[in-house]
Amino acid sequence: MSLMLEEIFDQPRALRRTFKAEREHAQSFKEFARQKDFRLIVLVARGTSDNAALFGRYLLELTTGIPVSLCAASIHTLYHARLDLRRAVVVGVSQSGEGTDINLVLKSARRQGAYTVAITNEARSTMAQLADEVFLVRAGKQRSVAATKTYTGQLLMFYLLAGGLGPHITLESVSEIPDRVEAALELAPSIRELVERYRYMRQCVVVSRGLNVANAYELALKLMETCYVVAERFSSADFAHGPVALIERDFPVIILMPPGKVFRDLKRLVERLRKLRAETLLISSTDVRLPAATRTIRVPGPIPEIYTPIPYIVPGQLLAASLAEVKGLDPDNPRSLQIVTRTL
């Protein structure tokens, strides 16, 4: 078994450990945030952590009512812009805590009046030392280059942060997520059989909308990293504004299709893709009625839409790891990559 698969299967344990250790922290942060009355949240990250931050943007704006910005790090590191960040909380997200540009943004933000928060897997990292407050992902040492358990750990942290900044996320609901991940991991044998169909896939599109757009980005990244598949990723709303022209007969399209607000829009897309004779693979819940599609992966449900992102990425992770295997590739040693990437 690859290190990537080992870390995928370690996720329920890692998530339980992280939740147990950080739930009281989330409660104390709730009182602190009420006193500070933050008016802006800024998220800064790269790579897989940037996909986690994209989820954080959707979740935090939806549940707190506070505007959220995804930071362009070069504004701080190359252009040295002076911003008014009083009453802002700036959140750096990094598995290693050693992303040079992310840490420079946190330093700059502190000088400009922000309260800084780190979400990282490394307690002794540079990021953990320089931030005002640290939410520590306790995923254990990441050995695979392709991040999996640290990504879901970061998503879990955003649930805790959202619970600290607003009233709509409950600790009881968050505590159920590891069990949902454990149930999703039972799909591994069927996904391993499914990927044989995609052995020769060289390109695809991954689509979702709303809270799962970040997962579309993350699954596409995993396919690029581990399988060398050219994987474009889109919100279904953006996909309809031009990229749908890519689609022809047998073109692979993977759609993360949760129940809730986005379901109707994604159903319309599936029906359109069927007319175009695309090779459509749906990731959805067992309790929803799906339109006809080429293939489906049914995540055990029911799951409220707001809590689907972590269990929904698990089939995607299994898909990428298994596809790398059938292609004869080593997902633990993708070419030209290493675990820690430093940019400015």
Protein backbone atom coordinates (compact mmCIF):
# COMPACT_ATOMS: atom_id res chain seq x y z
CA MET A 1 0.00 0.00 0.00
CA SER A 2 1.31 3.46 -0.90
CA LEU A 3 2.00 6.06 1.77
CA MET A 4 -0.74 8.14 0.16
CA LEU A 5 -3.30 5.39 0.72
CA GLU A 6 -2.06 4.82 4.26
CA GLU A 7 -2.62 8.49 5.03
CA ILE A 8 -6.05 8.46 3.37
CA PHE A 9 -7.09 5.59 5.65
CA ASP A 10 -5.59 7.33 8.69
CA GLN A 11 -7.99 10.26 8.34
CA PRO A 12 -10.75 9.18 10.78
CA ARG A 13 -8.18 8.74 13.55
CA ALA A 14 -6.40 12.00 12.70
CA LEU A 15 -9.66 13.96 12.56
CA ARG A 16 -10.85 12.58 15.91
CA ARG A 17 -7.53 13.45 17.51
CA THR A 18 -7.60 16.97 16.09
CA PHE A 19 -11.21 17.60 17.12
CA LYS A 20 -10.66 16.32 20.65
CA ALA A 21 -7.58 18.50 21.13
CA GLU A 22 -8.96 21.72 19.58
CA ARG A 23 -12.65 21.85 20.51
CA GLU A 24 -12.03 23.71 23.78
CA HIS A 25 -9.71 26.06 21.93
CA ALA A 26 -12.55 26.83 19.53
CA GLN A 27 -14.81 27.67 22.45
CA SER A 28 -12.31 30.06 24.02
CA PHE A 29 -11.69 31.69 20.62
CA LYS A 30 -15.43 32.29 20.35
CA GLU A 31 -15.42 34.58 23.39
CA PHE A 32 -12.23 36.32 22.27
CA ALA A 33 -13.67 36.96 18.77
CA ARG A 34 -16.84 38.41 20.28
CA GLN A 35 -14.76 40.99 22.15
CA LYS A 36 -12.60 41.85 19.12
CA ASP A 37 -15.63 42.21 16.78
CA PHE A 38 -13.70 41.32 13.62
CA ARG A 39 -15.04 42.93 10.43
CA LEU A 40 -12.85 41.20 7.84
CA ILE A 41 -11.25 37.78 7.44
CA VAL A 42 -8.28 37.31 5.13
CA LEU A 43 -7.02 33.83 4.22
CA VAL A 44 -3.56 33.16 2.79
CA ALA A 45 -2.25 29.81 1.54
CA ARG A 46 -0.69 27.92 -1.38
CA GLY A 47 -1.28 24.57 -3.09
CA THR A 48 -3.55 22.11 -1.30
CA SER A 49 -3.80 24.54 1.62
CA ASP A 50 -5.11 27.16 -0.81
CA ASN A 51 -7.90 24.76 -1.74
CA ALA A 52 -8.69 24.39 1.97
CA ALA A 53 -8.74 28.20 2.21
CA LEU A 54 -11.20 28.37 -0.69
CA PHE A 55 -13.51 26.11 1.32
CA GLY A 56 -12.89 28.35 4.33
CA ARG A 57 -14.04 31.37 2.35
CA TYR A 58 -17.37 29.76 1.46
CA LEU A 59 -17.93 28.37 4.94
CA LEU A 60 -16.96 31.49 6.89
CA GLU A 61 -18.96 33.92 4.78
CA LEU A 62 -21.96 31.60 4.84
CA THR A 63 -21.95 31.02 8.60
CA THR A 64 -20.55 34.26 10.06
CA GLY A 65 -21.69 37.05 7.74
CA ILE A 66 -18.15 38.48 7.81
CA PRO A 67 -16.60 39.27 4.39
CA VAL A 68 -13.71 36.93 3.54
CA SER A 69 -10.84 37.64 1.16
CA LEU A 70 -8.36 35.19 -0.33
CA CYS A 71 -5.07 37.04 -0.10
CA ALA A 72 -2.82 37.52 -3.13
CA ALA A 73 0.49 36.99 -1.33
CA SER A 74 2.50 39.01 -3.87
CA ILE A 75 0.63 42.16 -2.78
CA HIS A 76 2.68 41.87 0.42
CA THR A 77 5.84 40.07 -0.71
CA LEU A 78 6.55 41.76 -4.07
CA TYR A 79 4.54 44.98 -4.15
CA HIS A 80 4.76 45.77 -0.40
CA ALA A 81 1.32 47.39 -0.33
CA ARG A 82 0.22 49.13 2.86
CA LEU A 83 -3.22 47.92 3.93
CA ASP A 84 -5.50 48.88 6.80
CA LEU A 85 -6.05 45.56 8.55
CA ARG A 86 -7.37 46.83 11.86
CA ARG A 87 -10.33 44.70 12.99
CA ALA A 88 -9.23 42.00 10.55
CA VAL A 89 -8.19 38.46 11.35
CA VAL A 90 -5.60 37.10 8.89
CA VAL A 91 -5.41 33.30 8.74
CA GLY A 92 -2.36 31.55 7.32
CA VAL A 93 -2.89 27.95 6.21
CA SER A 94 0.11 25.67 5.66
CA GLN A 95 0.75 21.97 6.24
CA SER A 96 4.43 22.54 7.04
CA GLY A 97 4.19 26.06 8.40
CA GLU A 98 7.29 26.88 6.36
CA GLY A 99 5.81 28.56 3.27
CA THR A 100 8.02 31.63 2.98
CA ASP A 101 5.49 33.89 1.31
CA ILE A 102 2.66 32.85 3.65
CA ASN A 103 4.78 33.68 6.68
CA LEU A 104 5.83 37.02 5.22
CA VAL A 105 2.16 37.90 4.73
CA LEU A 106 1.43 37.09 8.39
CA LYS A 107 4.33 39.30 9.51
CA SER A 108 3.17 42.13 7.27
CA ALA A 109 -0.44 41.76 8.43
CA ARG A 110 0.57 42.05 12.09
CA ARG A 111 2.39 45.29 11.36
CA GLN A 112 -0.76 46.58 9.65
CA GLY A 113 -2.98 45.91 12.65
CA ALA A 114 -4.37 42.42 12.01
CA TYR A 115 -4.81 39.62 14.48
CA THR A 116 -3.04 36.61 12.98
CA VAL A 117 -4.02 32.94 13.17
CA ALA A 118 -2.06 29.92 11.94
CA ILE A 119 -3.62 26.65 10.80
CA THR A 120 -0.74 24.20 10.51
CA ASN A 121 0.27 20.61 11.15
CA GLU A 122 3.64 21.53 12.64
CA ALA A 123 3.70 22.93 16.18
CA ARG A 124 7.36 23.96 15.94
CA SER A 125 7.13 25.60 12.53
CA THR A 126 7.99 29.20 11.71
CA MET A 127 4.31 29.95 11.16
CA ALA A 128 3.32 28.60 14.58
CA GLN A 129 5.94 30.80 16.22
CA LEU A 130 5.01 34.07 14.53
CA ALA A 131 1.17 33.96 14.59
CA ASP A 132 -0.85 35.39 17.47
CA GLU A 133 -2.84 32.16 17.74
CA VAL A 134 -2.37 28.61 16.42
CA PHE A 135 -4.99 26.02 15.50
CA LEU A 136 -2.92 22.87 15.31
CA VAL A 137 -3.87 20.09 12.89
CA ARG A 138 -2.83 16.88 14.57
CA ALA A 139 -2.60 14.68 11.50
CA GLY A 140 0.76 13.20 12.36
CA LYS A 141 3.79 13.46 10.11
CA GLN A 142 2.95 13.78 6.43
CA ARG A 143 5.11 11.30 4.51
CA SER A 144 3.36 11.29 1.15
CA VAL A 145 4.03 14.26 -1.11
CA ALA A 146 0.34 14.38 -2.06
CA ALA A 147 -1.44 15.86 0.96
CA THR A 148 -4.63 14.11 2.08
CA LYS A 149 -5.06 13.91 5.85
CA THR A 150 -3.60 17.39 6.34
CA TYR A 151 -6.13 18.78 3.84
CA THR A 152 -9.11 17.28 5.67
CA GLY A 153 -7.58 18.39 8.96
CA GLN A 154 -7.45 21.96 7.66
CA LEU A 155 -11.09 21.73 6.59
CA LEU A 156 -11.98 20.53 10.08
CA MET A 157 -10.17 23.56 11.52
CA PHE A 158 -12.26 25.87 9.37
CA TYR A 159 -15.39 24.32 10.88
CA LEU A 160 -14.01 25.03 14.35
CA LEU A 161 -13.03 28.58 13.32
CA ALA A 162 -16.50 29.13 11.85
CA GLY A 163 -17.99 27.90 15.12
CA GLY A 164 -15.86 30.44 16.96
CA LEU A 165 -16.86 33.34 14.71
CA GLY A 166 -20.55 32.61 14.22
CA PRO A 167 -23.56 30.67 15.56
CA HIS A 168 -24.30 28.20 12.78
CA ILE A 169 -21.65 25.48 13.17
CA THR A 170 -22.09 23.21 16.18
CA LEU A 171 -19.42 21.07 17.83
CA GLU A 172 -21.86 18.17 17.94
CA SER A 173 -22.21 18.18 14.15
CA VAL A 174 -18.47 18.58 13.61
CA SER A 175 -17.83 15.63 15.92
CA GLU A 176 -19.76 13.38 13.49
CA ILE A 177 -17.41 14.08 10.57
CA PRO A 178 -14.79 11.38 11.39
CA ASP A 179 -17.52 8.72 11.39
CA ARG A 180 -18.73 9.97 8.01
CA VAL A 181 -15.16 9.71 6.67
CA GLU A 182 -14.88 6.17 8.01
CA ALA A 183 -18.06 5.24 6.14
CA ALA A 184 -16.74 6.84 2.93
CA LEU A 185 -13.54 4.78 3.16
CA GLU A 186 -15.64 1.64 2.73
CA LEU A 187 -16.00 2.68 -0.92
CA ALA A 188 -12.33 1.83 -1.57
CA PRO A 189 -12.85 -1.62 -3.19
CA SER A 190 -15.54 -0.38 -5.60
CA ILE A 191 -13.46 2.68 -6.52
CA ARG A 192 -10.46 0.43 -7.18
CA GLU A 193 -12.57 -1.52 -9.69
CA LEU A 194 -13.99 1.66 -11.21
CA VAL A 195 -10.62 3.25 -12.02
CA GLU A 196 -9.75 0.49 -14.47
CA ARG A 197 -12.13 2.28 -16.83
CA TYR A 198 -9.98 5.41 -16.60
CA ARG A 199 -6.55 3.77 -16.98
CA TYR A 200 -5.79 5.70 -20.18
CA MET A 201 -7.38 9.00 -19.18
CA ARG A 202 -5.09 11.92 -20.04
CA GLN A 203 -7.44 14.83 -19.43
CA CYS A 204 -10.66 15.57 -17.58
CA VAL A 205 -12.76 18.28 -15.98
CA VAL A 206 -13.79 18.35 -12.30
CA VAL A 207 -16.85 20.42 -11.42
CA SER A 208 -18.90 21.34 -8.37
CA ARG A 209 -20.48 24.43 -6.87
CA GLY A 210 -20.67 26.19 -3.52
CA LEU A 211 -19.05 24.50 -0.54
CA ASN A 212 -17.60 21.68 -2.67
CA VAL A 213 -15.88 23.88 -5.27
CA ALA A 214 -12.73 23.62 -3.14
CA ASN A 215 -12.96 19.83 -3.47
CA ALA A 216 -13.20 20.13 -7.25
CA TYR A 217 -9.94 22.09 -7.12
CA GLU A 218 -8.38 19.60 -4.72
CA LEU A 219 -9.38 16.49 -6.67
CA ALA A 220 -8.07 18.05 -9.88
CA LEU A 221 -4.79 18.86 -8.12
CA LYS A 222 -4.46 15.28 -6.88
CA LEU A 223 -5.06 13.92 -10.40
CA MET A 224 -2.40 16.26 -11.76
CA GLU A 225 0.11 15.49 -8.99
CA THR A 226 -0.20 11.72 -8.84
CA CYS A 227 -1.60 10.61 -12.21
CA TYR A 228 -0.25 13.32 -14.56
CA VAL A 229 -3.78 13.90 -15.87
CA VAL A 230 -4.50 17.38 -17.21
CA ALA A 231 -7.41 18.15 -14.89
CA GLU A 232 -9.25 21.45 -15.26
CA ARG A 233 -11.52 22.47 -12.39
CA PHE A 234 -14.50 24.78 -12.29
CA SER A 235 -17.55 25.97 -10.48
CA SER A 236 -20.49 24.79 -12.55
CA ALA A 237 -21.51 28.43 -12.96
CA ASP A 238 -18.14 29.29 -14.52
CA PHE A 239 -18.09 26.06 -16.52
CA ALA A 240 -21.23 27.13 -18.37
CA HIS A 241 -19.59 30.42 -19.41
CA GLY A 242 -17.24 28.90 -21.97
CA PRO A 243 -15.29 25.82 -20.82
CA VAL A 244 -18.27 23.56 -21.60
CA ALA A 245 -17.15 23.95 -25.23
CA LEU A 246 -14.37 21.46 -24.38
CA ILE A 247 -16.88 18.65 -24.03
CA GLU A 248 -17.26 16.09 -26.77
CA ARG A 249 -18.18 12.42 -26.88
CA ASP A 250 -16.48 10.38 -24.08
CA PHE A 251 -14.75 13.42 -22.52
CA PRO A 252 -14.39 12.62 -18.77
CA VAL A 253 -16.23 14.94 -16.38
CA ILE A 254 -16.20 14.33 -12.62
CA ILE A 255 -18.94 16.11 -10.67
CA LEU A 256 -19.18 16.45 -6.89
CA MET A 257 -22.94 16.68 -6.43
CA PRO A 258 -24.12 17.17 -2.84
CA PRO A 259 -27.74 17.56 -1.77
CA GLY A 260 -29.00 21.03 -0.98
CA LYS A 261 -28.84 24.44 -2.64
CA VAL A 262 -26.51 23.43 -5.50
CA PHE A 263 -28.17 20.14 -6.44
CA ARG A 264 -30.63 21.49 -9.01
CA ASP A 265 -27.96 23.44 -10.91
CA LEU A 266 -25.64 20.43 -11.01
CA LYS A 267 -28.51 18.16 -12.12
CA ARG A 268 -29.11 20.46 -15.09
CA LEU A 269 -25.40 20.22 -15.94
CA VAL A 270 -25.49 16.41 -15.84
CA GLU A 271 -28.46 16.37 -18.20
CA ARG A 272 -26.63 18.71 -20.58
CA LEU A 273 -23.52 16.52 -20.46
CA ARG A 274 -25.60 13.45 -21.23
CA LYS A 275 -26.80 15.12 -24.43
CA LEU A 276 -23.15 15.86 -25.29
CA ARG A 277 -22.31 12.17 -24.62
CA ALA A 278 -19.66 12.99 -22.06
CA GLU A 279 -18.19 10.29 -19.78
CA THR A 280 -19.74 11.53 -16.53
CA LEU A 281 -18.77 10.34 -13.06
CA LEU A 282 -20.84 11.60 -10.13
CA ILE A 283 -19.83 11.72 -6.47
CA SER A 284 -23.01 12.15 -4.45
CA SER A 285 -24.96 10.85 -1.45
CA THR A 286 -26.92 7.63 -1.15
CA ASP A 287 -30.10 9.44 -0.14
CA VAL A 288 -30.60 11.59 -3.26
CA ARG A 289 -32.17 10.67 -6.59
CA LEU A 290 -29.61 11.23 -9.33
CA PRO A 291 -30.12 11.77 -13.04
CA ALA A 292 -28.80 9.10 -15.38
CA ALA A 293 -25.02 9.26 -15.65
CA THR A 294 -22.21 7.11 -16.88
CA ARG A 295 -20.96 6.19 -13.40
CA THR A 296 -21.74 7.11 -9.78
CA ILE A 297 -19.91 6.92 -6.46
CA ARG A 298 -22.43 6.99 -3.62
CA VAL A 299 -21.16 8.44 -0.34
CA PRO A 300 -23.11 6.98 2.62
CA GLY A 301 -25.70 9.48 3.79
CA PRO A 302 -27.76 11.38 4.52
CA ILE A 303 -25.33 14.27 5.06
CA PRO A 304 -26.45 17.93 5.36
CA GLU A 305 -24.85 19.91 2.52
CA ILE A 306 -22.78 22.06 4.86
CA TYR A 307 -21.02 18.96 6.25
CA THR A 308 -20.43 17.15 2.93
CA PRO A 309 -16.99 18.54 1.94
CA ILE A 310 -14.77 16.32 4.12
CA PRO A 311 -16.53 12.98 3.39
CA TYR A 312 -16.94 13.97 -0.29
CA ILE A 313 -13.21 14.46 -0.90
CA VAL A 314 -12.41 10.96 0.39
CA PRO A 315 -13.69 9.15 -2.76
CA GLY A 316 -11.70 11.66 -4.80
CA GLN A 317 -8.54 10.88 -2.86
CA LEU A 318 -9.14 7.14 -3.31
CA LEU A 319 -9.79 7.70 -7.01
CA ALA A 320 -6.49 9.52 -7.53
CA ALA A 321 -4.40 7.06 -5.48
CA SER A 322 -5.97 4.03 -7.18
CA LEU A 323 -5.69 5.52 -10.66
CA ALA A 324 -1.99 6.20 -10.10
CA GLU A 325 -1.59 2.55 -9.18
CA VAL A 326 -3.34 1.19 -12.29
CA LYS A 327 -1.29 3.59 -14.44
CA GLY A 328 1.87 2.12 -12.92
CA LEU A 329 2.83 5.41 -11.20
CA ASP A 330 4.13 6.01 -7.68
CA PRO A 331 1.83 8.56 -5.97
CA ASP A 332 4.39 9.01 -3.18
CA ASN A 333 7.08 10.30 -5.52
CA PRO A 334 5.47 12.54 -8.14
CA ARG A 335 8.05 13.98 -10.49
CA SER A 336 9.39 17.48 -9.83
CA LEU A 337 7.60 17.76 -6.47
CA GLN A 338 8.52 17.66 -2.77
CA ILE A 339 6.48 18.02 0.42
CA VAL A 340 7.60 21.56 1.30
CA THR A 341 7.54 24.14 -1.50
CA ARG A 342 8.92 27.61 -0.80
CA THR A 343 7.91 30.55 -3.00
CA LEU A 344 7.99 34.31 -2.73
